[in-house]
Amino acid sequence: MSIDRRELLIGGVALSAVAALPRAAQAEDSFDPQPGAWRSFQVVTRIELAQADSKARAWIPVPAVHEREWFKSLGSEWTTNGHAALVPDAKYGAAMLQVEWPQSERSPRIDVTSRIATRDRAIDLAKPGPSVPLSPEEHKRNTQGTELIPVDGIVKQTSDRIVGDANAKSDIEKARAIYEWIVDNTFRDAKVRGCGIGDIAAMLTTGNLGGKCADLNALYVGLARAAGVPARDVYGIRVAPSKFGYKSLGANAQDVSKAQHCRSEVYLAGFGWVPVDAADVRKVVLEEPPTNLAINDPKVVAARKTLFGSWESNWLAYNFAHDVALPGSSGPKLAFLMYPQGEIGNVRLDCLDANNFKYTITPKEPTAA
């Protein structure tokens, strides 16, 4: 049995500092992420397709986000009994590892180890300063619609109504008004599988504004784009507990295979890309102990204040991609690339069905030297 090994240094960036493991969260901690020391993680994705009876394929997202202030993709390496290659996405800069196994390989497997560095973000929205403007191409990409995030029709009508009711004139006023509207009018629906699908026109048409992060943050992105404000989804996975004591906003187990989380950003002149996470406010409402908190509960109030302009570094960012075609697959495009994907023969495996598509994702945070 042959073993393929490859190493990709995505950015060639050396990690200059490694933070120690976070201190245990205290109940009295305020929810106040601030840029500080970088944290490093190694994240291992393992796929095992036991007793495959036909040719098999898999596609594994790997970190491909490079943001000088808060995230570094430091490379991935893999070991497999198949044939693997890194495949980039030209439009969004996403990256996935594509691996194929012949029909003769009855126990396909692959281990992918990705290294990242990340740190907290906090932007003081009362103090604008110089910011790098978006290029015309970036502006277009981050204001146009996607298959499930249109910016016309009912999305545009809803965005106009929100902005008008708030008498919002500037981009920051529009961005804030849409955030507050989502926090007030949506809810986290525990029955939704995975992170949801992000079909925002269907949400608005039916009036069912329940969902999970890929729904609620996609709704934010679509409404902002429809208002002419650049916005984007960031697809990733939680890799550590929250150091601020929020049980609902961290990965609280060694296996984080079900800890995927989509965040969002909005571009504001004078600030650059600003972190926004209305979905996590609704997650705090539903899931933070003792659960089903009131909107005026202090934990919810703190999350609502913090998650427009800040987020915590216990999370890995994969990419910003939408409408993703899996190379070599005749199956449909993905709305987003946040889960490992697999096929046996030409049949797409359900990435949320652990009984038929077995994978694990395990992070490790090294201690400081």
Protein backbone atom coordinates (compact mmCIF):
# COMPACT_ATOMS: atom_id res chain seq x y z
CA MET A 1 0.00 0.00 0.00
CA SER A 2 1.49 3.31 -1.04
CA ILE A 3 1.34 6.39 1.11
CA ASP A 4 1.22 9.87 -0.44
CA ARG A 5 2.63 12.77 1.54
CA ARG A 6 2.42 16.41 0.55
CA GLU A 7 2.95 19.68 2.36
CA LEU A 8 1.46 23.02 1.45
CA LEU A 9 2.75 26.22 3.01
CA ILE A 10 -0.16 28.36 2.00
CA GLY A 11 1.23 31.68 3.07
CA GLY A 12 4.83 31.03 3.99
CA VAL A 13 4.23 33.07 7.12
CA ALA A 14 6.21 32.16 10.21
CA LEU A 15 4.37 32.16 13.49
CA SER A 16 6.05 34.86 15.55
CA ALA A 17 4.38 34.20 18.86
CA VAL A 18 2.43 31.38 20.42
CA ALA A 19 0.05 32.08 23.26
CA ALA A 20 -0.27 29.83 26.26
CA LEU A 21 -3.42 27.84 26.78
CA PRO A 22 -6.20 30.19 27.89
CA ARG A 23 -6.93 30.53 31.55
CA ALA A 24 -10.09 28.94 32.84
CA ALA A 25 -13.04 31.20 32.19
CA GLN A 26 -14.49 32.91 35.24
CA ALA A 27 -18.15 33.69 35.65
CA GLU A 28 -17.37 37.34 36.30
CA ASP A 29 -15.40 37.77 33.06
CA SER A 30 -16.80 40.41 30.74
CA PHE A 31 -17.25 39.51 27.08
CA ASP A 32 -14.50 41.77 25.78
CA PRO A 33 -12.24 40.27 23.09
CA GLN A 34 -9.19 42.44 22.40
CA PRO A 35 -6.30 41.98 19.95
CA GLY A 36 -3.37 40.47 21.80
CA ALA A 37 -1.12 37.45 21.59
CA TRP A 38 -1.61 35.06 18.70
CA ARG A 39 -2.88 31.54 19.45
CA SER A 40 -1.74 28.60 17.35
CA PHE A 41 -3.69 25.42 16.58
CA GLN A 42 -3.12 22.19 14.73
CA VAL A 43 -6.37 20.75 13.43
CA VAL A 44 -6.56 17.14 12.19
CA THR A 45 -9.35 16.02 9.87
CA ARG A 46 -9.58 12.24 9.49
CA ILE A 47 -11.86 10.55 6.95
CA GLU A 48 -12.44 6.78 6.86
CA LEU A 49 -14.76 5.31 4.22
CA ALA A 50 -15.04 1.75 5.51
CA GLN A 51 -15.85 -0.99 2.98
CA ALA A 52 -16.22 1.24 -0.03
CA ASP A 53 -17.47 -0.90 -2.93
CA SER A 54 -16.73 1.53 -5.73
CA LYS A 55 -14.37 4.33 -6.66
CA ALA A 56 -14.42 6.93 -3.89
CA ARG A 57 -13.64 10.65 -3.67
CA ALA A 58 -13.44 13.19 -0.90
CA TRP A 59 -12.99 16.94 -0.68
CA ILE A 60 -11.72 18.43 2.57
CA PRO A 61 -11.73 22.19 3.18
CA VAL A 62 -8.40 23.52 4.42
CA PRO A 63 -7.73 26.99 5.87
CA ALA A 64 -7.11 29.54 3.11
CA VAL A 65 -7.81 32.84 4.87
CA HIS A 66 -4.99 35.36 5.25
CA GLU A 67 -5.89 38.44 7.27
CA ARG A 68 -2.93 40.34 8.70
CA GLU A 69 -4.70 41.45 11.87
CA TRP A 70 -6.44 38.28 12.95
CA PHE A 71 -5.83 35.06 10.99
CA LYS A 72 -2.94 33.20 9.33
CA SER A 73 -3.25 29.95 7.38
CA LEU A 74 0.13 28.33 7.99
CA GLY A 75 -0.14 25.22 5.83
CA SER A 76 -1.54 21.72 5.62
CA GLU A 77 -0.03 18.27 5.21
CA TRP A 78 -1.68 14.93 4.65
CA THR A 79 -1.25 11.17 4.66
CA THR A 80 -3.53 8.91 2.63
CA ASN A 81 -3.80 5.58 0.85
CA GLY A 82 -5.31 7.41 -2.12
CA HIS A 83 -4.10 10.15 -4.46
CA ALA A 84 -4.53 13.70 -3.16
CA ALA A 85 -3.94 17.19 -4.52
CA LEU A 86 -4.73 20.68 -3.35
CA VAL A 87 -7.35 22.48 -5.46
CA PRO A 88 -7.76 26.28 -5.23
CA ASP A 89 -10.90 28.28 -5.96
CA ALA A 90 -10.18 31.13 -8.35
CA LYS A 91 -13.09 33.41 -7.38
CA TYR A 92 -13.01 33.33 -3.59
CA GLY A 93 -9.52 32.02 -2.81
CA ALA A 94 -10.87 28.95 -1.02
CA ALA A 95 -8.84 25.75 -0.94
CA MET A 96 -9.80 22.10 -0.66
CA LEU A 97 -7.88 18.87 -0.69
CA GLN A 98 -9.24 16.54 -3.37
CA VAL A 99 -8.49 12.85 -2.85
CA GLU A 100 -9.45 9.82 -4.94
CA TRP A 101 -9.28 6.10 -4.20
CA PRO A 102 -9.56 3.31 -6.78
CA GLN A 103 -12.25 0.67 -6.51
CA SER A 104 -9.61 -1.80 -5.33
CA GLU A 105 -9.09 0.22 -2.13
CA ARG A 106 -11.80 -1.07 0.19
CA SER A 107 -10.88 1.08 3.21
CA PRO A 108 -10.17 4.61 1.96
CA ARG A 109 -8.69 6.94 4.52
CA ILE A 110 -6.91 10.27 4.81
CA ASP A 111 -5.51 12.39 7.64
CA VAL A 112 -5.13 16.14 7.03
CA THR A 113 -3.26 18.33 9.52
CA SER A 114 -3.72 22.09 9.15
CA ARG A 115 -1.86 24.74 11.11
CA ILE A 116 -3.27 28.17 11.86
CA ALA A 117 -2.65 31.24 14.00
CA THR A 118 -5.51 33.41 15.20
CA ARG A 119 -6.24 36.19 17.67
CA ASP A 120 -9.15 38.18 19.03
CA ARG A 121 -10.62 41.08 17.09
CA ALA A 122 -12.11 44.31 18.39
CA ILE A 123 -12.78 47.43 16.32
CA ASP A 124 -13.63 50.71 18.01
CA LEU A 125 -16.41 51.99 15.78
CA ALA A 126 -16.24 55.40 17.42
CA LYS A 127 -12.73 55.99 16.07
CA PRO A 128 -12.53 55.75 12.26
CA GLY A 129 -9.11 55.87 10.67
CA PRO A 130 -7.40 55.06 7.40
CA SER A 131 -8.50 51.79 5.81
CA VAL A 132 -7.48 49.96 2.68
CA PRO A 133 -10.24 50.51 0.11
CA LEU A 134 -11.78 47.58 -1.69
CA SER A 135 -10.76 47.13 -5.30
CA PRO A 136 -13.59 47.39 -7.86
CA GLU A 137 -13.46 43.59 -8.21
CA GLU A 138 -13.69 43.04 -4.45
CA HIS A 139 -16.51 45.54 -4.13
CA LYS A 140 -18.48 43.83 -6.88
CA ARG A 141 -17.90 40.35 -5.45
CA ASN A 142 -19.06 41.42 -2.00
CA THR A 143 -22.19 43.27 -3.11
CA GLN A 144 -23.49 40.86 -5.74
CA GLY A 145 -25.94 38.02 -5.18
CA THR A 146 -25.26 34.31 -5.04
CA GLU A 147 -27.57 31.39 -5.77
CA LEU A 148 -29.03 31.39 -2.25
CA ILE A 149 -28.23 34.99 -1.29
CA PRO A 150 -29.98 37.20 -3.87
CA VAL A 151 -29.85 40.96 -3.48
CA ASP A 152 -33.03 41.81 -5.38
CA GLY A 153 -36.72 41.00 -4.95
CA ILE A 154 -37.88 40.40 -1.40
CA VAL A 155 -34.33 40.72 -0.07
CA LYS A 156 -33.99 44.23 -1.48
CA GLN A 157 -37.49 45.16 -0.32
CA THR A 158 -36.75 43.97 3.22
CA SER A 159 -33.38 45.71 3.29
CA ASP A 160 -34.91 48.99 2.12
CA ARG A 161 -37.59 48.76 4.79
CA ILE A 162 -35.08 48.09 7.58
CA VAL A 163 -32.81 50.92 6.49
CA GLY A 164 -35.73 53.29 5.99
CA ASP A 165 -37.37 52.54 9.34
CA ALA A 166 -34.05 53.24 11.07
CA ASN A 167 -33.48 56.39 8.99
CA ALA A 168 -30.01 54.98 8.32
CA LYS A 169 -27.96 57.07 5.89
CA SER A 170 -24.32 56.04 6.25
CA ASP A 171 -22.96 52.54 5.68
CA ILE A 172 -22.26 52.08 9.38
CA GLU A 173 -25.82 53.10 10.25
CA LYS A 174 -27.19 50.66 7.67
CA ALA A 175 -24.92 47.85 8.88
CA ARG A 176 -25.96 48.42 12.49
CA ALA A 177 -29.67 48.66 11.67
CA ILE A 178 -29.63 45.35 9.80
CA TYR A 179 -27.73 43.67 12.64
CA GLU A 180 -30.23 44.88 15.24
CA TRP A 181 -33.17 43.83 13.04
CA ILE A 182 -31.81 40.30 12.71
CA VAL A 183 -31.19 39.99 16.44
CA ASP A 184 -34.75 41.18 17.15
CA ASN A 185 -36.61 39.26 14.44
CA THR A 186 -34.87 35.91 13.90
CA PHE A 187 -34.40 32.89 16.13
CA ARG A 188 -32.09 29.91 16.34
CA ASP A 189 -33.97 26.75 15.36
CA ALA A 190 -32.47 23.67 17.02
CA LYS A 191 -34.29 21.38 14.57
CA VAL A 192 -32.31 22.66 11.56
CA ARG A 193 -29.66 20.18 10.44
CA GLY A 194 -26.04 21.22 10.65
CA CYS A 195 -25.58 24.95 10.20
CA GLY A 196 -28.53 25.37 7.81
CA ILE A 197 -28.35 26.13 4.10
CA GLY A 198 -28.69 29.93 3.87
CA ASP A 199 -31.68 30.21 1.50
CA ILE A 200 -32.55 33.73 2.55
CA ALA A 201 -35.24 34.46 -0.05
CA ALA A 202 -37.17 31.41 1.16
CA MET A 203 -36.82 32.59 4.75
CA LEU A 204 -38.23 36.02 3.94
CA THR A 205 -40.94 34.73 1.60
CA THR A 206 -42.30 32.21 4.11
CA GLY A 207 -41.77 34.46 7.09
CA ASN A 208 -39.95 31.62 8.87
CA LEU A 209 -36.93 33.47 10.19
CA GLY A 210 -35.56 30.54 12.16
CA GLY A 211 -32.30 28.83 11.34
CA LYS A 212 -28.71 28.45 12.36
CA CYS A 213 -25.51 30.34 11.61
CA ALA A 214 -25.39 29.70 7.85
CA ASP A 215 -28.97 30.96 7.64
CA LEU A 216 -28.93 33.96 9.97
CA ASN A 217 -25.53 35.30 8.99
CA ALA A 218 -26.31 34.75 5.31
CA LEU A 219 -29.41 36.83 5.89
CA TYR A 220 -27.23 39.58 7.33
CA VAL A 221 -24.88 39.43 4.35
CA GLY A 222 -27.72 39.50 1.82
CA LEU A 223 -29.54 42.40 3.46
CA ALA A 224 -26.32 44.40 3.75
CA ARG A 225 -25.39 43.75 0.13
CA ALA A 226 -28.89 44.73 -0.96
CA ALA A 227 -28.32 48.05 0.85
CA GLY A 228 -25.14 48.56 -1.17
CA VAL A 229 -22.82 47.75 1.76
CA PRO A 230 -20.13 45.13 1.03
CA ALA A 231 -20.46 42.07 3.26
CA ARG A 232 -19.28 38.48 3.26
CA ASP A 233 -19.74 35.16 5.03
CA VAL A 234 -16.71 33.52 6.63
CA TYR A 235 -17.01 29.75 6.91
CA GLY A 236 -15.12 27.92 9.63
CA ILE A 237 -15.20 25.80 12.78
CA ARG A 238 -14.88 26.39 16.51
CA VAL A 239 -11.67 24.89 17.89
CA ALA A 240 -11.59 25.83 21.60
CA PRO A 241 -13.85 26.82 24.50
CA SER A 242 -14.73 30.46 24.99
CA LYS A 243 -12.38 32.07 27.50
CA PHE A 244 -15.18 34.47 28.44
CA GLY A 245 -17.35 31.80 30.02
CA TYR A 246 -19.91 31.40 27.21
CA LYS A 247 -20.59 27.66 26.94
CA SER A 248 -22.62 28.17 23.76
CA LEU A 249 -19.85 30.04 21.93
CA GLY A 250 -17.05 27.52 22.11
CA ALA A 251 -15.96 24.01 21.22
CA ASN A 252 -16.35 22.07 24.44
CA ALA A 253 -15.20 18.60 23.35
CA GLN A 254 -12.04 17.06 21.89
CA ASP A 255 -13.90 16.09 18.70
CA VAL A 256 -15.22 19.26 17.00
CA SER A 257 -16.73 17.50 13.98
CA LYS A 258 -20.08 19.16 14.69
CA ALA A 259 -18.69 22.56 15.71
CA GLN A 260 -18.79 24.26 12.29
CA HIS A 261 -19.71 27.93 12.48
CA CYS A 262 -20.28 30.63 9.87
CA ARG A 263 -19.46 34.21 10.83
CA SER A 264 -19.91 37.38 8.78
CA GLU A 265 -18.14 40.64 8.08
CA VAL A 266 -19.18 44.01 6.71
CA TYR A 267 -16.83 46.46 5.01
CA LEU A 268 -17.00 50.02 6.40
CA ALA A 269 -14.85 52.88 5.15
CA GLY A 270 -12.61 54.08 7.95
CA PHE A 271 -12.59 50.67 9.60
CA GLY A 272 -12.10 48.02 6.90
CA TRP A 273 -13.66 44.61 7.39
CA VAL A 274 -15.69 44.60 10.61
CA PRO A 275 -16.68 41.35 12.36
CA VAL A 276 -20.41 40.75 12.83
CA ASP A 277 -22.16 37.69 14.25
CA ALA A 278 -25.90 38.13 14.79
CA ALA A 279 -26.36 34.35 14.67
CA ASP A 280 -24.28 33.87 17.80
CA VAL A 281 -26.44 36.35 19.69
CA ARG A 282 -29.44 34.14 18.94
CA LYS A 283 -27.37 31.08 19.91
CA VAL A 284 -26.72 32.63 23.32
CA VAL A 285 -30.47 33.23 23.73
CA LEU A 286 -31.35 29.60 22.98
CA GLU A 287 -28.42 27.60 24.33
CA GLU A 288 -26.48 29.51 26.98
CA PRO A 289 -27.19 27.91 30.38
CA PRO A 290 -29.78 27.82 31.81
CA THR A 291 -31.07 28.13 28.15
CA ASN A 292 -33.96 30.08 26.63
CA LEU A 293 -32.68 33.36 28.00
CA ALA A 294 -34.63 36.58 27.71
CA ILE A 295 -33.39 39.12 25.17
CA ASN A 296 -32.58 41.45 28.09
CA ASP A 297 -30.62 38.86 30.05
CA PRO A 298 -27.17 40.28 30.89
CA LYS A 299 -25.41 37.50 28.94
CA VAL A 300 -27.47 38.28 25.84
CA VAL A 301 -27.02 42.03 26.23
CA ALA A 302 -23.25 41.59 26.47
CA ALA A 303 -23.14 39.29 23.43
CA ARG A 304 -25.31 41.65 21.41
CA LYS A 305 -23.04 44.58 22.20
CA THR A 306 -19.82 42.67 21.53
CA LEU A 307 -20.69 40.76 18.36
CA PHE A 308 -21.05 43.87 16.24
CA GLY A 309 -17.37 44.79 15.94
CA SER A 310 -15.63 41.98 17.83
CA TRP A 311 -15.13 38.25 17.95
CA GLU A 312 -13.09 35.70 19.85
CA SER A 313 -10.13 33.73 18.48
CA ASN A 314 -11.38 30.24 19.38
CA TRP A 315 -12.35 29.63 15.74
CA LEU A 316 -10.72 28.57 12.48
CA ALA A 317 -11.62 30.37 9.24
CA TYR A 318 -11.68 28.19 6.11
CA ASN A 319 -12.88 30.53 3.35
CA PHE A 320 -15.43 33.05 2.03
CA ALA A 321 -16.71 30.89 -0.84
CA HIS A 322 -20.21 30.45 -2.26
CA ASP A 323 -21.66 28.22 -5.01
CA VAL A 324 -18.71 25.81 -4.85
CA ALA A 325 -18.29 23.17 -7.56
CA LEU A 326 -16.44 20.07 -6.37
CA PRO A 327 -13.85 19.20 -9.06
CA GLY A 328 -14.41 15.80 -10.61
CA SER A 329 -17.97 15.55 -9.28
CA SER A 330 -21.12 15.48 -11.38
CA GLY A 331 -23.18 16.39 -8.32
CA PRO A 332 -24.66 19.80 -7.52
CA LYS A 333 -22.68 22.81 -6.37
CA LEU A 334 -22.39 23.47 -2.66
CA ALA A 335 -23.87 26.62 -1.21
CA PHE A 336 -20.68 26.86 0.87
CA LEU A 337 -17.61 24.78 1.71
CA MET A 338 -17.49 24.19 5.47
CA TYR A 339 -17.83 20.41 5.84
CA PRO A 340 -15.78 17.55 4.40
CA GLN A 341 -17.54 16.09 1.36
CA GLY A 342 -17.43 12.57 -0.07
CA GLU A 343 -18.75 10.37 -2.86
CA ILE A 344 -18.78 6.64 -3.48
CA GLY A 345 -19.34 5.92 -7.14
CA ASN A 346 -21.33 8.94 -8.26
CA VAL A 347 -23.41 9.12 -5.09
CA ARG A 348 -22.81 12.15 -2.86
CA LEU A 349 -22.53 11.20 0.80
CA ASP A 350 -24.48 13.11 3.42
CA CYS A 351 -21.85 15.15 5.23
CA LEU A 352 -24.09 15.34 8.29
CA ASP A 353 -24.66 11.56 8.52
CA ALA A 354 -21.85 10.20 10.68
CA ASN A 355 -23.07 6.60 10.26
CA ASN A 356 -22.42 6.62 6.53
CA PHE A 357 -19.71 9.25 6.17
CA LYS A 358 -17.26 8.88 9.02
CA TYR A 359 -14.95 11.76 9.78
CA THR A 360 -13.49 13.40 12.86
CA ILE A 361 -11.96 16.85 13.36
CA THR A 362 -9.71 17.31 16.38
CA PRO A 363 -7.84 20.52 17.30
CA LYS A 364 -4.78 20.87 19.50
CA GLU A 365 -3.37 24.09 20.90
CA PRO A 366 0.34 23.72 21.75
CA THR A 367 1.57 25.34 24.91
CA ALA A 368 4.02 28.23 24.66
CA ALA A 369 7.69 27.31 24.46
